[in-house]
Amino acid sequence: MARRASTHFSYEQRINKILNAVSADPARVFSLEELAGIACLSPFHLHRVFSAMTGETLAACIRRLRLETAANLLRFSSSLNITAVALACGFSSSQNFARVFREWMGMSPGAFRAACGQGTPPVPPGQKRKPGNARPYDLTYTTDQAGAAARVQLEPNLVVLAKGADMKVDVKQLPEYSVAYVRQIGPYGPALAQAWERIMAWAGKNGLLGPDTAALGVSWDNPSLTPPERCRYDACVVLPQGFAADEQALAQEGICLQSLPAGLYACYRRPIRMDEYTAAWNELIGVWLPRSGYEVTGPGFEYYHPPLVCSEDPDLACDVSICLMVRQQEQK
């Protein structure tokens, strides 16, 4: 039984590497041989292993990730025209992108962007918003930057903790973080605790939970676009400089390694209780972002400042920075 579990974890690590590579560079057209090399599998076995582990074919998964990335760019990066979005997500032309996007979303990229600007981002046909899956990005607000300074149209039931003027958001360069992580795939919500239990148990066993240890929670997907059963969340422990690890040995324990990129981030730091994470994300993306002059360029994460507090007490507030990769919006 232990051998079967370690084999599963080993394949899980390999599939994670493919998903990470495609998410990090959606413009790149990967060959089958390149993806097989990333996963350390033969091209012959890659399709079968990938489908068995994810429930999707490799081609369907890459197509979905590109379309979801494109939808996020259309919504959050208004300075990019539709052709730029298409090329940034690996489509050969704006015409090809428009056809595939319409098949997926049921409307053209331009119509989708316009609907987002009106305050109600569409979702793919057949997919419904589920309140329990609303982690980051699942918000309704205008991204019309021209009028955002004067009016931020939040949906009536949008839960927030602060109202703009009470927020302190620092836009700053963050370094690259080398992390060990456990990935949870499924609806964002209480199940994420299982990933944290596993990574913290491993970190404690290996003497990595010191007074200066930081942790990160990475939400890769937008739950208003990605089916709940495919949403990815990484519970991460930041590794000390010079940490040496055998990836193959770690895979036997269900632990993976990755590096999160350095870049410009909007960082919103505040004490957050267990039931307040969605509200904190709402503040950053739904209140601050539309009138900030910045636009989103990549997934966000939660940075847990040391010393870490491991507790299931729902009333205990953790010292957290909600971090979102951004860039200065270009003037039109």
C-alpha atoms as a PDB file:
ATOM      1  CA  MET A   1       0.000   0.000   0.000  1.00  0.00           C
ATOM      2  CA  ALA A   2       2.832   2.396   0.875  1.00  0.00           C
ATOM      3  CA  ARG A   3       4.486   1.609  -2.445  1.00  0.00           C
ATOM      4  CA  ARG A   4       1.264   2.381  -4.312  1.00  0.00           C
ATOM      5  CA  ALA A   5       0.955   5.731  -2.496  1.00  0.00           C
ATOM      6  CA  SER A   6       4.558   6.679  -3.274  1.00  0.00           C
ATOM      7  CA  THR A   7       4.017   5.836  -6.955  1.00  0.00           C
ATOM      8  CA  HIS A   8       0.925   8.046  -6.989  1.00  0.00           C
ATOM      9  CA  PHE A   9       2.857  10.919  -5.387  1.00  0.00           C
ATOM     10  CA  SER A  10       5.672  10.484  -7.910  1.00  0.00           C
ATOM     11  CA  TYR A  11       3.270  10.807 -10.840  1.00  0.00           C
ATOM     12  CA  GLU A  12       1.532  13.709  -9.090  1.00  0.00           C
ATOM     13  CA  GLN A  13       4.848  15.565  -8.911  1.00  0.00           C
ATOM     14  CA  ARG A  14       5.465  14.982 -12.626  1.00  0.00           C
ATOM     15  CA  ILE A  15       2.009  16.211 -13.619  1.00  0.00           C
ATOM     16  CA  ASN A  16       2.411  19.280 -11.396  1.00  0.00           C
ATOM     17  CA  LYS A  17       5.576  20.181 -13.294  1.00  0.00           C
ATOM     18  CA  ILE A  18       3.670  20.160 -16.587  1.00  0.00           C
ATOM     19  CA  LEU A  19       0.819  22.259 -15.194  1.00  0.00           C
ATOM     20  CA  ASN A  20       3.294  24.726 -13.683  1.00  0.00           C
ATOM     21  CA  ALA A  21       5.237  25.035 -16.945  1.00  0.00           C
ATOM     22  CA  VAL A  22       2.129  25.711 -19.029  1.00  0.00           C
ATOM     23  CA  SER A  23       0.729  28.176 -16.475  1.00  0.00           C
ATOM     24  CA  ALA A  24       4.044  30.031 -16.270  1.00  0.00           C
ATOM     25  CA  ASP A  25       4.368  30.427 -20.057  1.00  0.00           C
ATOM     26  CA  PRO A  26       0.967  30.139 -21.779  1.00  0.00           C
ATOM     27  CA  ALA A  27       2.347  31.771 -24.937  1.00  0.00           C
ATOM     28  CA  ARG A  28       4.757  28.919 -25.548  1.00  0.00           C
ATOM     29  CA  VAL A  29       3.715  26.051 -27.797  1.00  0.00           C
ATOM     30  CA  PHE A  30       5.221  23.001 -26.100  1.00  0.00           C
ATOM     31  CA  SER A  31       6.019  19.925 -28.157  1.00  0.00           C
ATOM     32  CA  LEU A  32       5.079  16.499 -26.846  1.00  0.00           C
ATOM     33  CA  GLU A  33       8.766  15.712 -26.408  1.00  0.00           C
ATOM     34  CA  GLU A  34       9.311  18.872 -24.325  1.00  0.00           C
ATOM     35  CA  LEU A  35       6.419  18.077 -21.995  1.00  0.00           C
ATOM     36  CA  ALA A  36       7.537  14.470 -21.684  1.00  0.00           C
ATOM     37  CA  GLY A  37      11.004  15.724 -20.747  1.00  0.00           C
ATOM     38  CA  ILE A  38       9.565  18.049 -18.091  1.00  0.00           C
ATOM     39  CA  ALA A  39       7.662  15.119 -16.586  1.00  0.00           C
ATOM     40  CA  CYS A  40      10.528  12.631 -17.025  1.00  0.00           C
ATOM     41  CA  LEU A  41       8.185  10.291 -18.875  1.00  0.00           C
ATOM     42  CA  SER A  42       8.345   8.785 -22.325  1.00  0.00           C
ATOM     43  CA  PRO A  43       6.146  10.505 -24.926  1.00  0.00           C
ATOM     44  CA  PHE A  44       4.419   7.146 -25.377  1.00  0.00           C
ATOM     45  CA  HIS A  45       3.283   7.003 -21.726  1.00  0.00           C
ATOM     46  CA  LEU A  46       2.682  10.702 -21.113  1.00  0.00           C
ATOM     47  CA  HIS A  47      -0.851  10.894 -22.520  1.00  0.00           C
ATOM     48  CA  ARG A  48      -2.054   7.850 -20.612  1.00  0.00           C
ATOM     49  CA  VAL A  49      -0.505   8.924 -17.291  1.00  0.00           C
ATOM     50  CA  PHE A  50      -1.742  12.505 -17.645  1.00  0.00           C
ATOM     51  CA  SER A  51      -5.323  11.461 -18.401  1.00  0.00           C
ATOM     52  CA  ALA A  52      -5.350   8.925 -15.576  1.00  0.00           C
ATOM     53  CA  MET A  53      -4.068  11.483 -13.049  1.00  0.00           C
ATOM     54  CA  THR A  54      -6.149  14.497 -14.097  1.00  0.00           C
ATOM     55  CA  GLY A  55      -9.242  13.184 -15.852  1.00  0.00           C
ATOM     56  CA  GLU A  56      -8.406  15.419 -18.841  1.00  0.00           C
ATOM     57  CA  THR A  57      -6.456  14.798 -21.985  1.00  0.00           C
ATOM     58  CA  LEU A  58      -3.200  16.720 -22.207  1.00  0.00           C
ATOM     59  CA  ALA A  59      -4.448  18.778 -25.164  1.00  0.00           C
ATOM     60  CA  ALA A  60      -7.763  19.626 -23.467  1.00  0.00           C
ATOM     61  CA  CYS A  61      -5.995  20.713 -20.292  1.00  0.00           C
ATOM     62  CA  ILE A  62      -3.556  23.005 -22.120  1.00  0.00           C
ATOM     63  CA  ARG A  63      -6.418  24.496 -24.125  1.00  0.00           C
ATOM     64  CA  ARG A  64      -8.430  25.131 -20.935  1.00  0.00           C
ATOM     65  CA  LEU A  65      -5.498  26.744 -19.108  1.00  0.00           C
ATOM     66  CA  ARG A  66      -4.841  29.051 -22.052  1.00  0.00           C
ATOM     67  CA  LEU A  67      -8.483  30.070 -22.320  1.00  0.00           C
ATOM     68  CA  GLU A  68      -8.767  30.722 -18.590  1.00  0.00           C
ATOM     69  CA  THR A  69      -5.592  32.801 -18.691  1.00  0.00           C
ATOM     70  CA  ALA A  70      -6.968  34.731 -21.659  1.00  0.00           C
ATOM     71  CA  ALA A  71     -10.239  35.424 -19.849  1.00  0.00           C
ATOM     72  CA  ASN A  72      -8.342  36.742 -16.832  1.00  0.00           C
ATOM     73  CA  LEU A  73      -6.249  39.010 -19.067  1.00  0.00           C
ATOM     74  CA  LEU A  74      -9.354  40.304 -20.816  1.00  0.00           C
ATOM     75  CA  ARG A  75     -10.881  41.100 -17.455  1.00  0.00           C
ATOM     76  CA  PHE A  76      -7.931  42.399 -15.457  1.00  0.00           C
ATOM     77  CA  SER A  77      -5.495  43.762 -18.091  1.00  0.00           C
ATOM     78  CA  SER A  78      -7.514  46.282 -20.047  1.00  0.00           C
ATOM     79  CA  SER A  79      -4.424  47.835 -21.680  1.00  0.00           C
ATOM     80  CA  LEU A  80      -3.906  44.644 -23.733  1.00  0.00           C
ATOM     81  CA  ASN A  81      -5.895  44.509 -26.948  1.00  0.00           C
ATOM     82  CA  ILE A  82      -7.483  41.252 -28.030  1.00  0.00           C
ATOM     83  CA  THR A  83      -4.686  40.355 -30.449  1.00  0.00           C
ATOM     84  CA  ALA A  84      -2.104  40.834 -27.685  1.00  0.00           C
ATOM     85  CA  VAL A  85      -4.151  38.611 -25.371  1.00  0.00           C
ATOM     86  CA  ALA A  86      -4.388  35.935 -28.074  1.00  0.00           C
ATOM     87  CA  LEU A  87      -0.638  35.879 -28.693  1.00  0.00           C
ATOM     88  CA  ALA A  88       0.131  35.966 -24.951  1.00  0.00           C
ATOM     89  CA  CYS A  89      -1.899  32.792 -24.537  1.00  0.00           C
ATOM     90  CA  GLY A  90      -0.424  30.746 -27.363  1.00  0.00           C
ATOM     91  CA  PHE A  91      -3.016  31.311 -30.087  1.00  0.00           C
ATOM     92  CA  SER A  92      -1.712  31.789 -33.615  1.00  0.00           C
ATOM     93  CA  SER A  93      -4.028  34.680 -34.470  1.00  0.00           C
ATOM     94  CA  SER A  94      -6.830  36.790 -33.060  1.00  0.00           C
ATOM     95  CA  GLN A  95      -9.246  35.041 -35.443  1.00  0.00           C
ATOM     96  CA  ASN A  96      -8.321  31.591 -34.160  1.00  0.00           C
ATOM     97  CA  PHE A  97      -8.522  32.854 -30.581  1.00  0.00           C
ATOM     98  CA  ALA A  98     -11.953  34.420 -31.147  1.00  0.00           C
ATOM     99  CA  ARG A  99     -13.341  31.174 -32.577  1.00  0.00           C
ATOM    100  CA  VAL A 100     -12.036  28.974 -29.744  1.00  0.00           C
ATOM    101  CA  PHE A 101     -13.016  31.501 -27.064  1.00  0.00           C
ATOM    102  CA  ARG A 102     -16.572  31.731 -28.415  1.00  0.00           C
ATOM    103  CA  GLU A 103     -16.880  27.930 -28.401  1.00  0.00           C
ATOM    104  CA  TRP A 104     -15.811  27.906 -24.728  1.00  0.00           C
ATOM    105  CA  MET A 105     -17.501  31.017 -23.307  1.00  0.00           C
ATOM    106  CA  GLY A 106     -20.467  31.343 -25.652  1.00  0.00           C
ATOM    107  CA  MET A 107     -19.488  34.897 -26.646  1.00  0.00           C
ATOM    108  CA  SER A 108     -16.661  36.739 -28.342  1.00  0.00           C
ATOM    109  CA  PRO A 109     -13.615  38.019 -26.410  1.00  0.00           C
ATOM    110  CA  GLY A 110     -14.800  41.591 -26.983  1.00  0.00           C
ATOM    111  CA  ALA A 111     -18.274  40.845 -25.633  1.00  0.00           C
ATOM    112  CA  PHE A 112     -16.743  39.117 -22.604  1.00  0.00           C
ATOM    113  CA  ARG A 113     -14.543  42.125 -21.837  1.00  0.00           C
ATOM    114  CA  ALA A 114     -17.499  44.490 -22.225  1.00  0.00           C
ATOM    115  CA  ALA A 115     -19.618  42.373 -19.861  1.00  0.00           C
ATOM    116  CA  CYS A 116     -16.825  42.414 -17.266  1.00  0.00           C
ATOM    117  CA  GLY A 117     -16.743  46.199 -17.514  1.00  0.00           C
ATOM    118  CA  GLN A 118     -20.474  46.318 -16.789  1.00  0.00           C
ATOM    119  CA  GLY A 119     -19.929  44.580 -13.452  1.00  0.00           C
ATOM    120  CA  THR A 120     -21.030  40.973 -14.078  1.00  0.00           C
ATOM    121  CA  PRO A 121     -18.222  38.773 -15.445  1.00  0.00           C
ATOM    122  CA  PRO A 122     -19.711  35.887 -17.465  1.00  0.00           C
ATOM    123  CA  VAL A 123     -18.899  32.287 -16.641  1.00  0.00           C
ATOM    124  CA  PRO A 124     -18.510  29.401 -19.104  1.00  0.00           C
ATOM    125  CA  PRO A 125     -21.906  27.868 -20.006  1.00  0.00           C
ATOM    126  CA  GLY A 126     -22.886  25.100 -17.623  1.00  0.00           C
ATOM    127  CA  GLN A 127     -20.660  26.365 -14.816  1.00  0.00           C
ATOM    128  CA  LYS A 128     -22.277  28.031 -11.836  1.00  0.00           C
ATOM    129  CA  ARG A 129     -20.644  30.131  -9.161  1.00  0.00           C
ATOM    130  CA  LYS A 130     -20.529  28.333  -5.839  1.00  0.00           C
ATOM    131  CA  PRO A 131     -20.098  30.549  -2.753  1.00  0.00           C
ATOM    132  CA  GLY A 132     -17.984  27.907  -1.031  1.00  0.00           C
ATOM    133  CA  ASN A 133     -15.480  28.036  -3.856  1.00  0.00           C
ATOM    134  CA  ALA A 134     -14.974  31.809  -3.857  1.00  0.00           C
ATOM    135  CA  ARG A 135     -11.336  32.345  -2.957  1.00  0.00           C
ATOM    136  CA  PRO A 136      -9.445  34.949  -4.992  1.00  0.00           C
ATOM    137  CA  TYR A 137     -10.777  36.685  -8.101  1.00  0.00           C
ATOM    138  CA  ASP A 138     -14.387  35.495  -7.776  1.00  0.00           C
ATOM    139  CA  LEU A 139     -15.668  39.055  -7.643  1.00  0.00           C
ATOM    140  CA  THR A 140     -18.042  41.323  -9.460  1.00  0.00           C
ATOM    141  CA  TYR A 141     -16.858  44.866 -10.075  1.00  0.00           C
ATOM    142  CA  THR A 142     -16.173  47.257 -12.885  1.00  0.00           C
ATOM    143  CA  THR A 143     -12.752  47.296 -14.502  1.00  0.00           C
ATOM    144  CA  ASP A 144     -13.553  50.432 -16.464  1.00  0.00           C
ATOM    145  CA  GLN A 145     -10.409  52.303 -15.452  1.00  0.00           C
ATOM    146  CA  ALA A 146     -11.600  55.620 -16.884  1.00  0.00           C
ATOM    147  CA  GLY A 147     -14.461  55.798 -14.419  1.00  0.00           C
ATOM    148  CA  ALA A 148     -13.105  53.633 -11.650  1.00  0.00           C
ATOM    149  CA  ALA A 149     -11.597  56.522  -9.698  1.00  0.00           C
ATOM    150  CA  ALA A 150     -15.041  58.061  -9.367  1.00  0.00           C
ATOM    151  CA  ARG A 151     -17.116  54.909  -9.042  1.00  0.00           C
ATOM    152  CA  VAL A 152     -16.283  51.399  -7.945  1.00  0.00           C
ATOM    153  CA  GLN A 153     -19.359  49.296  -8.617  1.00  0.00           C
ATOM    154  CA  LEU A 154     -19.356  46.423  -6.160  1.00  0.00           C
ATOM    155  CA  GLU A 155     -22.141  43.896  -6.148  1.00  0.00           C
ATOM    156  CA  PRO A 156     -24.512  44.511  -3.196  1.00  0.00           C
ATOM    157  CA  ASN A 157     -23.508  41.355  -1.297  1.00  0.00           C
ATOM    158  CA  LEU A 158     -19.733  41.740  -1.769  1.00  0.00           C
ATOM    159  CA  VAL A 159     -18.232  41.152   1.671  1.00  0.00           C
ATOM    160  CA  VAL A 160     -15.250  43.313   2.572  1.00  0.00           C
ATOM    161  CA  LEU A 161     -13.388  44.152   5.775  1.00  0.00           C
ATOM    162  CA  ALA A 162     -12.293  47.669   4.797  1.00  0.00           C
ATOM    163  CA  LYS A 163     -13.510  50.371   2.428  1.00  0.00           C
ATOM    164  CA  GLY A 164     -10.559  51.577   0.419  1.00  0.00           C
ATOM    165  CA  ALA A 165      -9.535  54.486   2.615  1.00  0.00           C
ATOM    166  CA  ASP A 166      -8.837  52.083   5.497  1.00  0.00           C
ATOM    167  CA  MET A 167      -6.566  49.903   3.364  1.00  0.00           C
ATOM    168  CA  LYS A 168      -2.794  50.077   3.210  1.00  0.00           C
ATOM    169  CA  VAL A 169      -1.450  48.435   0.058  1.00  0.00           C
ATOM    170  CA  ASP A 170       2.270  48.492  -0.728  1.00  0.00           C
ATOM    171  CA  VAL A 171       3.346  47.967  -4.340  1.00  0.00           C
ATOM    172  CA  LYS A 172       6.866  46.577  -4.217  1.00  0.00           C
ATOM    173  CA  GLN A 173       9.347  44.150  -5.707  1.00  0.00           C
ATOM    174  CA  LEU A 174       9.309  40.719  -4.083  1.00  0.00           C
ATOM    175  CA  PRO A 175      12.120  38.172  -4.438  1.00  0.00           C
ATOM    176  CA  GLU A 176      11.890  34.712  -5.919  1.00  0.00           C
ATOM    177  CA  TYR A 177      10.681  32.200  -3.343  1.00  0.00           C
ATOM    178  CA  SER A 178      11.933  28.606  -3.370  1.00  0.00           C
ATOM    179  CA  VAL A 179       9.269  26.514  -1.703  1.00  0.00           C
ATOM    180  CA  ALA A 180       8.282  22.988  -0.826  1.00  0.00           C
ATOM    181  CA  TYR A 181       4.576  22.460  -1.349  1.00  0.00           C
ATOM    182  CA  VAL A 182       1.586  20.149  -1.259  1.00  0.00           C
ATOM    183  CA  ARG A 183      -1.035  20.714  -3.943  1.00  0.00           C
ATOM    184  CA  GLN A 184      -4.737  20.387  -3.275  1.00  0.00           C
ATOM    185  CA  ILE A 185      -6.942  20.078  -6.363  1.00  0.00           C
ATOM    186  CA  GLY A 186     -10.624  20.743  -5.796  1.00  0.00           C
ATOM    187  CA  PRO A 187     -12.971  23.447  -4.535  1.00  0.00           C
ATOM    188  CA  TYR A 188     -11.348  26.218  -2.527  1.00  0.00           C
ATOM    189  CA  GLY A 189     -12.572  25.920   1.050  1.00  0.00           C
ATOM    190  CA  PRO A 190     -12.154  23.744   4.163  1.00  0.00           C
ATOM    191  CA  ALA A 191     -10.392  20.952   2.241  1.00  0.00           C
ATOM    192  CA  LEU A 192      -7.318  23.193   1.906  1.00  0.00           C
ATOM    193  CA  ALA A 193      -6.546  22.413   5.551  1.00  0.00           C
ATOM    194  CA  GLN A 194      -5.470  18.912   4.496  1.00  0.00           C
ATOM    195  CA  ALA A 195      -2.684  20.329   2.325  1.00  0.00           C
ATOM    196  CA  TRP A 196      -1.480  22.540   5.183  1.00  0.00           C
ATOM    197  CA  GLU A 197      -1.452  19.624   7.609  1.00  0.00           C
ATOM    198  CA  ARG A 198       0.725  17.582   5.252  1.00  0.00           C
ATOM    199  CA  ILE A 199       3.268  20.305   4.435  1.00  0.00           C
ATOM    200  CA  MET A 200       3.563  21.456   8.054  1.00  0.00           C
ATOM    201  CA  ALA A 201       4.044  17.889   9.278  1.00  0.00           C
ATOM    202  CA  TRP A 202       6.832  17.401   6.734  1.00  0.00           C
ATOM    203  CA  ALA A 203       8.456  20.756   7.552  1.00  0.00           C
ATOM    204  CA  GLY A 204       8.354  20.033  11.275  1.00  0.00           C
ATOM    205  CA  LYS A 205       9.857  16.585  10.812  1.00  0.00           C
ATOM    206  CA  ASN A 206      12.710  18.107   8.808  1.00  0.00           C
ATOM    207  CA  GLY A 207      13.455  20.943  11.224  1.00  0.00           C
ATOM    208  CA  LEU A 208      12.182  23.693   8.928  1.00  0.00           C
ATOM    209  CA  LEU A 209       9.676  25.342  11.277  1.00  0.00           C
ATOM    210  CA  GLY A 210      11.865  27.970  12.903  1.00  0.00           C
ATOM    211  CA  PRO A 211      10.949  31.455  14.182  1.00  0.00           C
ATOM    212  CA  ASP A 212      11.837  32.977  10.789  1.00  0.00           C
ATOM    213  CA  THR A 213      10.001  30.454   8.597  1.00  0.00           C
ATOM    214  CA  ALA A 214       7.396  31.938   6.249  1.00  0.00           C
ATOM    215  CA  ALA A 215       4.621  30.128   4.388  1.00  0.00           C
ATOM    216  CA  LEU A 216       2.714  30.840   1.177  1.00  0.00           C
ATOM    217  CA  GLY A 217      -0.713  29.826  -0.058  1.00  0.00           C
ATOM    218  CA  VAL A 218      -0.908  29.952  -3.872  1.00  0.00           C
ATOM    219  CA  SER A 219      -4.294  29.994  -5.608  1.00  0.00           C
ATOM    220  CA  TRP A 220      -3.560  29.256  -9.259  1.00  0.00           C
ATOM    221  CA  ASP A 221      -7.063  29.443 -10.656  1.00  0.00           C
ATOM    222  CA  ASN A 222     -10.011  31.798 -10.892  1.00  0.00           C
ATOM    223  CA  PRO A 223     -12.971  29.849  -9.484  1.00  0.00           C
ATOM    224  CA  SER A 224     -15.441  31.807 -11.616  1.00  0.00           C
ATOM    225  CA  LEU A 225     -13.741  30.311 -14.707  1.00  0.00           C
ATOM    226  CA  THR A 226     -12.112  27.057 -13.611  1.00  0.00           C
ATOM    227  CA  PRO A 227     -14.388  24.115 -12.730  1.00  0.00           C
ATOM    228  CA  PRO A 228     -14.282  23.671  -8.920  1.00  0.00           C
ATOM    229  CA  GLU A 229     -12.900  20.144  -9.205  1.00  0.00           C
ATOM    230  CA  ARG A 230      -9.877  21.479 -11.155  1.00  0.00           C
ATOM    231  CA  CYS A 231      -8.928  24.488  -8.991  1.00  0.00           C
ATOM    232  CA  ARG A 232      -5.303  24.263  -7.801  1.00  0.00           C
ATOM    233  CA  TYR A 233      -4.038  25.455  -4.427  1.00  0.00           C
ATOM    234  CA  ASP A 234      -0.468  25.040  -3.180  1.00  0.00           C
ATOM    235  CA  ALA A 235       0.294  25.080   0.546  1.00  0.00           C
ATOM    236  CA  CYS A 236       3.964  26.117   0.635  1.00  0.00           C
ATOM    237  CA  VAL A 237       6.794  26.479   3.120  1.00  0.00           C
ATOM    238  CA  VAL A 238       9.574  28.864   2.100  1.00  0.00           C
ATOM    239  CA  LEU A 239      12.877  26.977   2.073  1.00  0.00           C
ATOM    240  CA  PRO A 240      16.047  28.431   3.605  1.00  0.00           C
ATOM    241  CA  GLN A 241      18.803  29.488   1.215  1.00  0.00           C
ATOM    242  CA  GLY A 242      21.045  26.578   0.296  1.00  0.00           C
ATOM    243  CA  PHE A 243      18.462  23.938   1.193  1.00  0.00           C
ATOM    244  CA  ALA A 244      19.393  20.713  -0.603  1.00  0.00           C
ATOM    245  CA  ALA A 245      16.701  18.199  -1.409  1.00  0.00           C
ATOM    246  CA  ASP A 246      16.296  15.032  -3.413  1.00  0.00           C
ATOM    247  CA  GLU A 247      13.166  15.628  -5.495  1.00  0.00           C
ATOM    248  CA  GLN A 248      12.671  11.932  -6.092  1.00  0.00           C
ATOM    249  CA  ALA A 249      12.821  11.185  -2.371  1.00  0.00           C
ATOM    250  CA  LEU A 250      10.461  14.053  -1.597  1.00  0.00           C
ATOM    251  CA  ALA A 251       7.998  12.784  -4.186  1.00  0.00           C
ATOM    252  CA  GLN A 252       7.677   9.556  -2.233  1.00  0.00           C
ATOM    253  CA  GLU A 253       6.274  11.663   0.626  1.00  0.00           C
ATOM    254  CA  GLY A 254       3.973  13.712  -1.583  1.00  0.00           C
ATOM    255  CA  ILE A 255       6.145  16.845  -1.369  1.00  0.00           C
ATOM    256  CA  CYS A 256       6.996  18.908  -4.461  1.00  0.00           C
ATOM    257  CA  LEU A 257       9.415  21.779  -5.090  1.00  0.00           C
ATOM    258  CA  GLN A 258       8.956  24.924  -7.140  1.00  0.00           C
ATOM    259  CA  SER A 259      10.121  28.532  -7.399  1.00  0.00           C
ATOM    260  CA  LEU A 260       7.654  31.406  -7.396  1.00  0.00           C
ATOM    261  CA  PRO A 261       8.849  34.282  -9.575  1.00  0.00           C
ATOM    262  CA  ALA A 262      10.210  37.589  -8.391  1.00  0.00           C
ATOM    263  CA  GLY A 263       8.280  40.599  -9.590  1.00  0.00           C
ATOM    264  CA  LEU A 264       6.170  43.614  -8.777  1.00  0.00           C
ATOM    265  CA  TYR A 265       3.382  42.808  -6.328  1.00  0.00           C
ATOM    266  CA  ALA A 266       0.588  44.703  -4.632  1.00  0.00           C
ATOM    267  CA  CYS A 267       0.784  43.567  -0.997  1.00  0.00           C
ATOM    268  CA  TYR A 268      -2.112  44.074   1.396  1.00  0.00           C
ATOM    269  CA  ARG A 269      -1.100  43.158   4.956  1.00  0.00           C
ATOM    270  CA  ARG A 270      -3.581  42.694   7.776  1.00  0.00           C
ATOM    271  CA  PRO A 271      -4.644  40.214  10.478  1.00  0.00           C
ATOM    272  CA  ILE A 272      -7.022  37.683   8.894  1.00  0.00           C
ATOM    273  CA  ARG A 273      -9.188  35.078  10.593  1.00  0.00           C
ATOM    274  CA  MET A 274     -10.008  31.750   8.988  1.00  0.00           C
ATOM    275  CA  ASP A 275     -13.348  32.971   7.635  1.00  0.00           C
ATOM    276  CA  GLU A 276     -12.048  36.310   6.314  1.00  0.00           C
ATOM    277  CA  TYR A 277      -9.818  35.328   3.388  1.00  0.00           C
ATOM    278  CA  THR A 278     -12.427  35.851   0.689  1.00  0.00           C
ATOM    279  CA  ALA A 279     -13.254  39.272   2.144  1.00  0.00           C
ATOM    280  CA  ALA A 280      -9.564  40.235   2.160  1.00  0.00           C
ATOM    281  CA  TRP A 281      -9.173  39.221  -1.500  1.00  0.00           C
ATOM    282  CA  ASN A 282     -12.363  41.161  -2.282  1.00  0.00           C
ATOM    283  CA  GLU A 283     -10.780  44.253  -0.783  1.00  0.00           C
ATOM    284  CA  LEU A 284      -7.588  44.024  -2.804  1.00  0.00           C
ATOM    285  CA  ILE A 285      -9.144  43.130  -6.153  1.00  0.00           C
ATOM    286  CA  GLY A 286     -12.620  44.592  -5.829  1.00  0.00           C
ATOM    287  CA  VAL A 287     -11.884  47.826  -3.946  1.00  0.00           C
ATOM    288  CA  TRP A 288      -8.214  48.775  -4.380  1.00  0.00           C
ATOM    289  CA  LEU A 289      -7.311  47.457  -7.847  1.00  0.00           C
ATOM    290  CA  PRO A 290      -9.913  49.255 -10.028  1.00  0.00           C
ATOM    291  CA  ARG A 291      -8.734  52.708  -8.916  1.00  0.00           C
ATOM    292  CA  SER A 292      -5.046  51.925  -8.397  1.00  0.00           C
ATOM    293  CA  GLY A 293      -3.686  52.432 -11.905  1.00  0.00           C
ATOM    294  CA  TYR A 294      -2.332  48.852 -11.871  1.00  0.00           C
ATOM    295  CA  GLU A 295      -3.466  45.677 -13.597  1.00  0.00           C
ATOM    296  CA  VAL A 296      -3.013  41.999 -12.786  1.00  0.00           C
ATOM    297  CA  THR A 297      -0.248  40.044 -14.543  1.00  0.00           C
ATOM    298  CA  GLY A 298      -0.222  36.720 -12.705  1.00  0.00           C
ATOM    299  CA  PRO A 299      -1.663  34.583  -9.910  1.00  0.00           C
ATOM    300  CA  GLY A 300      -1.636  35.868  -6.378  1.00  0.00           C
ATOM    301  CA  PHE A 301      -0.691  34.282  -3.097  1.00  0.00           C
ATOM    302  CA  GLU A 302      -1.096  34.657   0.637  1.00  0.00           C
ATOM    303  CA  TYR A 303       2.168  35.311   2.474  1.00  0.00           C
ATOM    304  CA  TYR A 304       2.082  34.134   6.096  1.00  0.00           C
ATOM    305  CA  HIS A 305       4.555  36.211   8.069  1.00  0.00           C
ATOM    306  CA  PRO A 306       6.727  34.540  10.694  1.00  0.00           C
ATOM    307  CA  PRO A 307       6.452  33.390  13.351  1.00  0.00           C
ATOM    308  CA  LEU A 308       3.914  30.932  11.966  1.00  0.00           C
ATOM    309  CA  VAL A 309       0.947  30.020  14.139  1.00  0.00           C
ATOM    310  CA  CYS A 310      -0.530  26.580  13.469  1.00  0.00           C
ATOM    311  CA  SER A 311      -4.001  26.409  14.971  1.00  0.00           C
ATOM    312  CA  GLU A 312      -7.532  25.372  14.046  1.00  0.00           C
ATOM    313  CA  ASP A 313      -9.036  28.110  16.232  1.00  0.00           C
ATOM    314  CA  PRO A 314     -11.416  29.979  13.855  1.00  0.00           C
ATOM    315  CA  ASP A 315     -11.106  33.166  15.924  1.00  0.00           C
ATOM    316  CA  LEU A 316      -7.316  33.295  15.708  1.00  0.00           C
ATOM    317  CA  ALA A 317      -6.101  35.944  13.255  1.00  0.00           C
ATOM    318  CA  CYS A 318      -2.914  35.268  11.282  1.00  0.00           C
ATOM    319  CA  ASP A 319      -0.502  37.973  10.105  1.00  0.00           C
ATOM    320  CA  VAL A 320      -1.006  37.705   6.332  1.00  0.00           C
ATOM    321  CA  SER A 321      -0.150  39.728   3.245  1.00  0.00           C
ATOM    322  CA  ILE A 322      -2.428  39.202   0.251  1.00  0.00           C
ATOM    323  CA  CYS A 323      -0.028  39.569  -2.703  1.00  0.00           C
ATOM    324  CA  LEU A 324      -1.023  40.076  -6.322  1.00  0.00           C
ATOM    325  CA  MET A 325       1.421  40.326  -9.251  1.00  0.00           C
ATOM    326  CA  VAL A 326       0.760  43.612 -11.057  1.00  0.00           C
ATOM    327  CA  ARG A 327       2.156  46.148 -13.488  1.00  0.00           C
ATOM    328  CA  GLN A 328       1.516  49.828 -14.045  1.00  0.00           C
ATOM    329  CA  GLN A 329      -1.334  50.248 -16.473  1.00  0.00           C
ATOM    330  CA  GLU A 330      -0.389  51.850 -19.769  1.00  0.00           C
ATOM    331  CA  GLN A 331      -2.083  55.115 -20.618  1.00  0.00           C
ATOM    332  CA  LYS A 332      -4.334  54.845 -23.657  1.00  0.00           C
END
